[in-house]
Amino acid sequence: MSVGEHIETLRAKHASLEEAIDQENLRPHPDDMRIQELKKEKLRIKDEIAGLSDGA
Protein backbone atom coordinates (compact mmCIF):
# COMPACT_ATOMS: atom_id res chain seq x y z
CA MET A 1 0.00 0.00 0.00
CA SER A 2 1.38 3.40 -0.96
CA VAL A 3 1.52 6.31 1.45
CA GLY A 4 -1.31 8.01 -0.45
CA GLU A 5 -3.51 4.94 -0.17
CA HIS A 6 -2.73 4.64 3.53
CA ILE A 7 -3.67 8.30 4.07
CA GLU A 8 -6.96 7.75 2.21
CA THR A 9 -7.70 4.72 4.39
CA LEU A 10 -7.00 6.77 7.50
CA ARG A 11 -9.23 9.60 6.24
CA ALA A 12 -12.06 7.12 5.73
CA LYS A 13 -11.57 5.79 9.27
CA HIS A 14 -11.50 9.39 10.58
CA ALA A 15 -14.82 10.12 8.84
CA SER A 16 -16.32 6.92 10.20
CA LEU A 17 -15.30 7.89 13.73
CA GLU A 18 -16.89 11.31 13.24
CA GLU A 19 -20.12 9.57 12.20
CA ALA A 20 -19.93 7.28 15.26
CA ILE A 21 -19.51 10.33 17.52
CA ASP A 22 -22.48 12.05 15.88
CA GLN A 23 -24.62 8.91 16.27
CA GLU A 24 -23.67 8.54 19.93
CA ASN A 25 -24.59 12.18 20.57
CA LEU A 26 -28.03 11.60 19.03
CA ARG A 27 -28.87 8.86 21.53
CA PRO A 28 -31.22 9.80 24.39
CA HIS A 29 -28.44 9.11 26.93
CA PRO A 30 -25.07 9.44 25.17
CA ASP A 31 -22.19 7.46 26.67
CA ASP A 32 -19.64 10.14 27.52
CA MET A 33 -16.85 7.61 28.01
CA ARG A 34 -17.51 6.13 24.55
CA ILE A 35 -17.50 9.59 22.99
CA GLN A 36 -14.20 10.36 24.72
CA GLU A 37 -12.65 7.12 23.40
CA LEU A 38 -13.87 7.84 19.87
CA LYS A 39 -12.48 11.39 19.99
CA LYS A 40 -9.09 10.16 21.21
CA GLU A 41 -8.92 7.63 18.37
CA LYS A 42 -10.00 10.30 15.88
CA LEU A 43 -7.23 12.62 17.12
CA ARG A 44 -4.66 9.80 16.94
CA ILE A 45 -5.62 9.18 13.32
CA LYS A 46 -5.51 12.90 12.53
CA ASP A 47 -1.98 13.08 13.94
CA GLU A 48 -0.94 10.04 11.91
CA ILE A 49 -2.36 11.61 8.74
CA ALA A 50 -0.48 14.82 9.48
CA GLY A 51 2.76 12.92 10.04
CA LEU A 52 2.38 10.98 6.82
CA SER A 53 1.43 14.11 4.86
CA ASP A 54 4.51 15.93 6.13
CA GLY A 55 6.73 13.04 5.07
CA ALA A 56 5.11 12.51 1.69
PDB file of N, CA and C in Angstrom:
ATOM      1  N   MET A   1       0.860  -1.188   0.000  1.00  0.00           N
ATOM      2  CA  MET A   1       0.000   0.000   0.000  1.00  0.00           C
ATOM      3  C   MET A   1       0.896   1.237   0.000  1.00  0.00           C
ATOM      4  N   SER A   2       0.603   2.168  -0.900  1.00  0.00           N
ATOM      5  CA  SER A   2       1.384   3.401  -0.960  1.00  0.00           C
ATOM      6  C   SER A   2       0.978   4.331   0.182  1.00  0.00           C
ATOM      7  N   VAL A   3       1.806   5.342   0.400  1.00  0.00           N
ATOM      8  CA  VAL A   3       1.518   6.313   1.454  1.00  0.00           C
ATOM      9  C   VAL A   3       0.188   7.010   1.173  1.00  0.00           C
ATOM     10  N   GLY A   4      -0.052   7.352  -0.079  1.00  0.00           N
ATOM     11  CA  GLY A   4      -1.308   8.015  -0.447  1.00  0.00           C
ATOM     12  C   GLY A   4      -2.516   7.150  -0.158  1.00  0.00           C
ATOM     13  N   GLU A   5      -2.402   5.868  -0.458  1.00  0.00           N
ATOM     14  CA  GLU A   5      -3.509   4.941  -0.168  1.00  0.00           C
ATOM     15  C   GLU A   5      -3.726   4.803   1.332  1.00  0.00           C
ATOM     16  N   HIS A   6      -2.618   4.763   2.073  1.00  0.00           N
ATOM     17  CA  HIS A   6      -2.726   4.644   3.532  1.00  0.00           C
ATOM     18  C   HIS A   6      -3.412   5.884   4.113  1.00  0.00           C
ATOM     19  N   ILE A   7      -3.047   7.052   3.604  1.00  0.00           N
ATOM     20  CA  ILE A   7      -3.666   8.304   4.065  1.00  0.00           C
ATOM     21  C   ILE A   7      -5.160   8.284   3.758  1.00  0.00           C
ATOM     22  N   GLU A   8      -5.536   7.824   2.571  1.00  0.00           N
ATOM     23  CA  GLU A   8      -6.956   7.751   2.210  1.00  0.00           C
ATOM     24  C   GLU A   8      -7.712   6.794   3.133  1.00  0.00           C
ATOM     25  N   THR A   9      -7.087   5.673   3.467  1.00  0.00           N
ATOM     26  CA  THR A   9      -7.699   4.719   4.392  1.00  0.00           C
ATOM     27  C   THR A   9      -7.897   5.363   5.762  1.00  0.00           C
ATOM     28  N   LEU A  10      -6.892   6.089   6.212  1.00  0.00           N
ATOM     29  CA  LEU A  10      -6.997   6.775   7.505  1.00  0.00           C
ATOM     30  C   LEU A  10      -8.075   7.853   7.477  1.00  0.00           C
ATOM     31  N   ARG A  11      -8.185   8.563   6.364  1.00  0.00           N
ATOM     32  CA  ARG A  11      -9.227   9.598   6.240  1.00  0.00           C
ATOM     33  C   ARG A  11     -10.623   8.976   6.300  1.00  0.00           C
ATOM     34  N   ALA A  12     -10.773   7.817   5.683  1.00  0.00           N
ATOM     35  CA  ALA A  12     -12.063   7.124   5.733  1.00  0.00           C
ATOM     36  C   ALA A  12     -12.378   6.699   7.164  1.00  0.00           C
ATOM     37  N   LYS A  13     -11.380   6.200   7.875  1.00  0.00           N
ATOM     38  CA  LYS A  13     -11.570   5.789   9.273  1.00  0.00           C
ATOM     39  C   LYS A  13     -11.914   7.014  10.121  1.00  0.00           C
ATOM     40  N   HIS A  14     -11.247   8.136   9.852  1.00  0.00           N
ATOM     41  CA  HIS A  14     -11.499   9.386  10.580  1.00  0.00           C
ATOM     42  C   HIS A  14     -12.954   9.823  10.382  1.00  0.00           C
ATOM     43  N   ALA A  15     -13.430   9.746   9.147  1.00  0.00           N
ATOM     44  CA  ALA A  15     -14.816  10.123   8.840  1.00  0.00           C
ATOM     45  C   ALA A  15     -15.794   9.168   9.520  1.00  0.00           C
ATOM     46  N   SER A  16     -15.446   7.896   9.549  1.00  0.00           N
ATOM     47  CA  SER A  16     -16.319   6.917  10.195  1.00  0.00           C
ATOM     48  C   SER A  16     -16.397   7.159  11.704  1.00  0.00           C
ATOM     49  N   LEU A  17     -15.284   7.561  12.304  1.00  0.00           N
ATOM     50  CA  LEU A  17     -15.296   7.889  13.733  1.00  0.00           C
ATOM     51  C   LEU A  17     -16.144   9.133  13.994  1.00  0.00           C
ATOM     52  N   GLU A  18     -16.067  10.097  13.105  1.00  0.00           N
ATOM     53  CA  GLU A  18     -16.893  11.307  13.238  1.00  0.00           C
ATOM     54  C   GLU A  18     -18.372  10.936  13.204  1.00  0.00           C
ATOM     55  N   GLU A  19     -18.725  10.037  12.300  1.00  0.00           N
ATOM     56  CA  GLU A  19     -20.117   9.574  12.203  1.00  0.00           C
ATOM     57  C   GLU A  19     -20.528   8.838  13.482  1.00  0.00           C
ATOM     58  N   ALA A  20     -19.635   8.022  14.015  1.00  0.00           N
ATOM     59  CA  ALA A  20     -19.934   7.284  15.256  1.00  0.00           C
ATOM     60  C   ALA A  20     -20.147   8.254  16.423  1.00  0.00           C
ATOM     61  N   ILE A  21     -19.349   9.315  16.471  1.00  0.00           N
ATOM     62  CA  ILE A  21     -19.507  10.329  17.522  1.00  0.00           C
ATOM     63  C   ILE A  21     -20.860  11.022  17.372  1.00  0.00           C
ATOM     64  N   ASP A  22     -21.195  11.395  16.139  1.00  0.00           N
ATOM     65  CA  ASP A  22     -22.482  12.048  15.883  1.00  0.00           C
ATOM     66  C   ASP A  22     -23.642  11.140  16.289  1.00  0.00           C
ATOM     67  N   GLN A  23     -23.557   9.863  15.932  1.00  0.00           N
ATOM     68  CA  GLN A  23     -24.619   8.912  16.271  1.00  0.00           C
ATOM     69  C   GLN A  23     -24.759   8.746  17.784  1.00  0.00           C
ATOM     70  N   GLU A  24     -23.638   8.685  18.474  1.00  0.00           N
ATOM     71  CA  GLU A  24     -23.671   8.540  19.931  1.00  0.00           C
ATOM     72  C   GLU A  24     -24.316   9.769  20.564  1.00  0.00           C
ATOM     73  N   ASN A  25     -24.013  10.946  20.032  1.00  0.00           N
ATOM     74  CA  ASN A  25     -24.586  12.185  20.575  1.00  0.00           C
ATOM     75  C   ASN A  25     -26.089  12.283  20.330  1.00  0.00           C
ATOM     76  N   LEU A  26     -26.593  11.569  19.336  1.00  0.00           N
ATOM     77  CA  LEU A  26     -28.028  11.600  19.033  1.00  0.00           C
ATOM     78  C   LEU A  26     -28.837  10.677  19.946  1.00  0.00           C
ATOM     79  N   ARG A  27     -28.170   9.785  20.642  1.00  0.00           N
ATOM     80  CA  ARG A  27     -28.872   8.860  21.526  1.00  0.00           C
ATOM     81  C   ARG A  27     -29.503   9.631  22.689  1.00  0.00           C
ATOM     82  N   PRO A  28     -30.580   9.106  23.255  1.00  0.00           N
ATOM     83  CA  PRO A  28     -31.223   9.798  24.388  1.00  0.00           C
ATOM     84  C   PRO A  28     -30.279   9.992  25.585  1.00  0.00           C
ATOM     85  N   HIS A  29     -29.406   9.009  25.824  1.00  0.00           N
ATOM     86  CA  HIS A  29     -28.436   9.109  26.925  1.00  0.00           C
ATOM     87  C   HIS A  29     -27.058   8.743  26.389  1.00  0.00           C
ATOM     88  N   PRO A  30     -26.373   9.728  25.757  1.00  0.00           N
ATOM     89  CA  PRO A  30     -25.066   9.444  25.165  1.00  0.00           C
ATOM     90  C   PRO A  30     -24.072   8.937  26.216  1.00  0.00           C
ATOM     91  N   ASP A  31     -23.225   8.013  25.807  1.00  0.00           N
ATOM     92  CA  ASP A  31     -22.189   7.459  26.669  1.00  0.00           C
ATOM     93  C   ASP A  31     -20.956   8.353  26.550  1.00  0.00           C
ATOM     94  N   ASP A  32     -20.735   9.185  27.561  1.00  0.00           N
ATOM     95  CA  ASP A  32     -19.643  10.145  27.521  1.00  0.00           C
ATOM     96  C   ASP A  32     -18.282   9.468  27.420  1.00  0.00           C
ATOM     97  N   MET A  33     -18.124   8.331  28.077  1.00  0.00           N
ATOM     98  CA  MET A  33     -16.850   7.606  28.006  1.00  0.00           C
ATOM     99  C   MET A  33     -16.603   7.107  26.579  1.00  0.00           C
ATOM    100  N   ARG A  34     -17.636   6.609  25.937  1.00  0.00           N
ATOM    101  CA  ARG A  34     -17.508   6.125  24.554  1.00  0.00           C
ATOM    102  C   ARG A  34     -17.152   7.277  23.623  1.00  0.00           C
ATOM    103  N   ILE A  35     -17.794   8.411  23.810  1.00  0.00           N
ATOM    104  CA  ILE A  35     -17.500   9.587  22.992  1.00  0.00           C
ATOM    105  C   ILE A  35     -16.045  10.010  23.186  1.00  0.00           C
ATOM    106  N   GLN A  36     -15.579   9.994  24.425  1.00  0.00           N
ATOM    107  CA  GLN A  36     -14.196  10.363  24.718  1.00  0.00           C
ATOM    108  C   GLN A  36     -13.219   9.406  24.026  1.00  0.00           C
ATOM    109  N   GLU A  37     -13.503   8.113  24.064  1.00  0.00           N
ATOM    110  CA  GLU A  37     -12.647   7.124  23.396  1.00  0.00           C
ATOM    111  C   GLU A  37     -12.623   7.358  21.888  1.00  0.00           C
ATOM    112  N   LEU A  38     -13.788   7.604  21.314  1.00  0.00           N
ATOM    113  CA  LEU A  38     -13.870   7.845  19.868  1.00  0.00           C
ATOM    114  C   LEU A  38     -13.085   9.099  19.480  1.00  0.00           C
ATOM    115  N   LYS A  39     -13.196  10.142  20.285  1.00  0.00           N
ATOM    116  CA  LYS A  39     -12.480  11.386  19.991  1.00  0.00           C
ATOM    117  C   LYS A  39     -10.973  11.206  20.100  1.00  0.00           C
ATOM    118  N   LYS A  40     -10.528  10.425  21.080  1.00  0.00           N
ATOM    119  CA  LYS A  40      -9.089  10.157  21.214  1.00  0.00           C
ATOM    120  C   LYS A  40      -8.568   9.405  19.998  1.00  0.00           C
ATOM    121  N   GLU A  41      -9.325   8.400  19.544  1.00  0.00           N
ATOM    122  CA  GLU A  41      -8.922   7.629  18.368  1.00  0.00           C
ATOM    123  C   GLU A  41      -8.918   8.517  17.131  1.00  0.00           C
ATOM    124  N   LYS A  42      -9.911   9.382  17.021  1.00  0.00           N
ATOM    125  CA  LYS A  42      -9.997  10.302  15.883  1.00  0.00           C
ATOM    126  C   LYS A  42      -8.782  11.242  15.866  1.00  0.00           C
ATOM    127  N   LEU A  43      -8.393  11.738  17.025  1.00  0.00           N
ATOM    128  CA  LEU A  43      -7.229  12.620  17.124  1.00  0.00           C
ATOM    129  C   LEU A  43      -5.946  11.862  16.785  1.00  0.00           C
ATOM    130  N   ARG A  44      -5.835  10.608  17.234  1.00  0.00           N
ATOM    131  CA  ARG A  44      -4.657   9.803  16.936  1.00  0.00           C
ATOM    132  C   ARG A  44      -4.519   9.624  15.421  1.00  0.00           C
ATOM    133  N   ILE A  45      -5.636   9.361  14.772  1.00  0.00           N
ATOM    134  CA  ILE A  45      -5.623   9.179  13.318  1.00  0.00           C
ATOM    135  C   ILE A  45      -5.276  10.494  12.623  1.00  0.00           C
ATOM    136  N   LYS A  46      -5.820  11.594  13.120  1.00  0.00           N
ATOM    137  CA  LYS A  46      -5.512  12.901  12.530  1.00  0.00           C
ATOM    138  C   LYS A  46      -4.017  13.191  12.628  1.00  0.00           C
ATOM    139  N   ASP A  47      -3.415  12.879  13.768  1.00  0.00           N
ATOM    140  CA  ASP A  47      -1.982  13.082  13.944  1.00  0.00           C
ATOM    141  C   ASP A  47      -1.172  12.189  13.006  1.00  0.00           C
ATOM    142  N   GLU A  48      -1.628  10.957  12.823  1.00  0.00           N
ATOM    143  CA  GLU A  48      -0.944  10.041  11.911  1.00  0.00           C
ATOM    144  C   GLU A  48      -1.027  10.557  10.474  1.00  0.00           C
ATOM    145  N   ILE A  49      -2.201  11.048  10.088  1.00  0.00           N
ATOM    146  CA  ILE A  49      -2.359  11.613   8.740  1.00  0.00           C
ATOM    147  C   ILE A  49      -1.415  12.794   8.567  1.00  0.00           C
ATOM    148  N   ALA A  50      -1.343  13.656   9.561  1.00  0.00           N
ATOM    149  CA  ALA A  50      -0.475  14.824   9.481  1.00  0.00           C
ATOM    150  C   ALA A  50       0.988  14.402   9.350  1.00  0.00           C
ATOM    151  N   GLY A  51       1.383  13.406  10.113  1.00  0.00           N
ATOM    152  CA  GLY A  51       2.764  12.917  10.045  1.00  0.00           C
ATOM    153  C   GLY A  51       3.094  12.336   8.680  1.00  0.00           C
ATOM    154  N   LEU A  52       2.165  11.561   8.130  1.00  0.00           N
ATOM    155  CA  LEU A  52       2.384  10.976   6.816  1.00  0.00           C
ATOM    156  C   LEU A  52       2.374  12.037   5.730  1.00  0.00           C
ATOM    157  N   SER A  53       1.506  13.035   5.868  1.00  0.00           N
ATOM    158  CA  SER A  53       1.426  14.107   4.864  1.00  0.00           C
ATOM    159  C   SER A  53       2.704  14.936   4.854  1.00  0.00           C
ATOM    160  N   ASP A  54       3.271  15.159   6.034  1.00  0.00           N
ATOM    161  CA  ASP A  54       4.515  15.933   6.126  1.00  0.00           C
ATOM    162  C   ASP A  54       5.679  15.183   5.487  1.00  0.00           C
ATOM    163  N   GLY A  55       5.646  13.845   5.595  1.00  0.00           N
ATOM    164  CA  GLY A  55       6.727  13.044   5.072  1.00  0.00           C
ATOM    165  C   GLY A  55       6.558  12.680   3.605  1.00  0.00           C
ATOM    166  N   ALA A  56       5.378  12.915   3.075  1.00  0.00           N
ATOM    167  CA  ALA A  56       5.105  12.505   1.687  1.00  0.00           C
ATOM    168  C   ALA A  56       5.651  13.467   0.674  1.00  0.00           C
TER     169      ALA A  56
END
